[in-house]
Amino acid sequence: MSSDVIPNWDVMIHKNARTSDGGDAGNVIEVEENTLTLERGPTAEFVIPKSAVEGFDGSELSLTISLKELNNQYRKK
């Protein structure tokens, strides 16, 4: 998704994100220049590229990555 499709990324803070296979990716807790940080529960954090956002309906982000990809490739160390 092009960054100009979403003019104000900050509105995504505290919004839920869902993976391409319908999994709960957590809530957006931080927006950086090229990335979003998601938090799921008290111990799981993920840093994903903005390019992984497929859509935003005003309350939830749709991601282009699966739950397995999220857990394996984007978990914050």
Protein backbone atom coordinates (compact mmCIF):
# COMPACT_ATOMS: atom_id res chain seq x y z
CA MET A 1 0.00 0.00 0.00
CA SER A 2 1.33 3.40 -0.92
CA SER A 3 1.96 5.75 1.97
CA ASP A 4 -0.06 8.49 0.22
CA VAL A 5 -3.17 6.29 0.43
CA ILE A 6 -3.09 6.86 4.20
CA PRO A 7 -2.38 10.57 4.69
CA ASN A 8 -2.15 10.38 8.50
CA TRP A 9 -0.58 7.17 9.81
CA ASP A 10 -0.89 8.41 13.39
CA VAL A 11 -4.64 7.65 13.35
CA MET A 12 -3.66 3.97 13.40
CA ILE A 13 -2.28 4.13 16.94
CA HIS A 14 -4.37 1.90 19.23
CA LYS A 15 -6.11 0.30 16.23
CA ASN A 16 -6.23 -3.47 15.81
CA ALA A 17 -4.37 -5.19 12.98
CA ARG A 18 -5.40 -8.44 11.30
CA THR A 19 -3.14 -10.73 9.25
CA SER A 20 -3.94 -11.90 5.72
CA ASP A 21 -5.26 -15.20 7.12
CA GLY A 22 -7.50 -13.49 9.67
CA GLY A 23 -5.21 -13.78 12.69
CA ASP A 24 -5.03 -11.15 15.42
CA ALA A 25 -1.76 -9.25 14.92
CA GLY A 26 -2.31 -6.98 17.92
CA ASN A 27 -2.66 -3.22 18.32
CA VAL A 28 -0.54 -0.51 16.77
CA ILE A 29 1.49 1.13 19.53
CA GLU A 30 4.00 3.15 17.50
CA VAL A 31 4.28 4.67 14.03
CA GLU A 32 7.74 5.38 12.63
CA GLU A 33 8.80 6.71 9.23
CA ASN A 34 8.76 3.30 7.52
CA THR A 35 7.46 0.90 10.16
CA LEU A 36 4.64 0.17 12.59
CA THR A 37 5.09 -1.49 15.96
CA LEU A 38 2.33 -3.87 17.04
CA GLU A 39 1.73 -5.25 20.52
CA ARG A 40 -0.18 -8.47 21.17
CA GLY A 41 -0.58 -9.25 24.82
CA PRO A 42 1.99 -8.37 27.44
CA THR A 43 4.97 -10.10 25.81
CA ALA A 44 4.67 -10.05 22.00
CA GLU A 45 5.81 -7.07 19.95
CA PHE A 46 6.26 -6.94 16.19
CA VAL A 47 7.83 -4.37 13.89
CA ILE A 48 6.38 -4.48 10.39
CA PRO A 49 7.01 -2.32 7.32
CA LYS A 50 4.25 0.09 6.33
CA SER A 51 4.26 -1.65 2.95
CA ALA A 52 2.69 -4.69 4.70
CA VAL A 53 -0.52 -2.70 5.29
CA GLU A 54 -3.08 -3.73 2.69
CA GLY A 55 -5.93 -1.55 3.90
CA PHE A 56 -7.48 0.41 6.72
CA ASP A 57 -11.24 0.66 7.27
CA GLY A 58 -11.07 3.27 10.01
CA SER A 59 -11.01 0.78 12.87
CA GLU A 60 -8.79 -2.11 11.75
CA LEU A 61 -5.69 -2.57 9.59
CA SER A 62 -5.52 -5.42 7.09
CA LEU A 63 -2.03 -6.82 6.56
CA THR A 64 -0.53 -8.64 3.58
CA ILE A 65 1.40 -11.03 5.84
CA SER A 66 0.16 -14.21 7.50
CA LEU A 67 0.14 -14.90 11.23
CA LYS A 68 2.96 -17.41 10.75
CA GLU A 69 5.07 -14.83 8.89
CA LEU A 70 4.34 -12.26 11.58
CA ASN A 71 5.50 -14.59 14.35
CA ASN A 72 8.55 -15.89 12.48
CA GLN A 73 9.86 -12.80 10.71
CA TYR A 74 8.65 -9.68 12.46
CA ARG A 75 8.81 -10.45 16.18
CA LYS A 76 10.79 -7.81 18.03
CA LYS A 77 13.79 -9.30 19.77
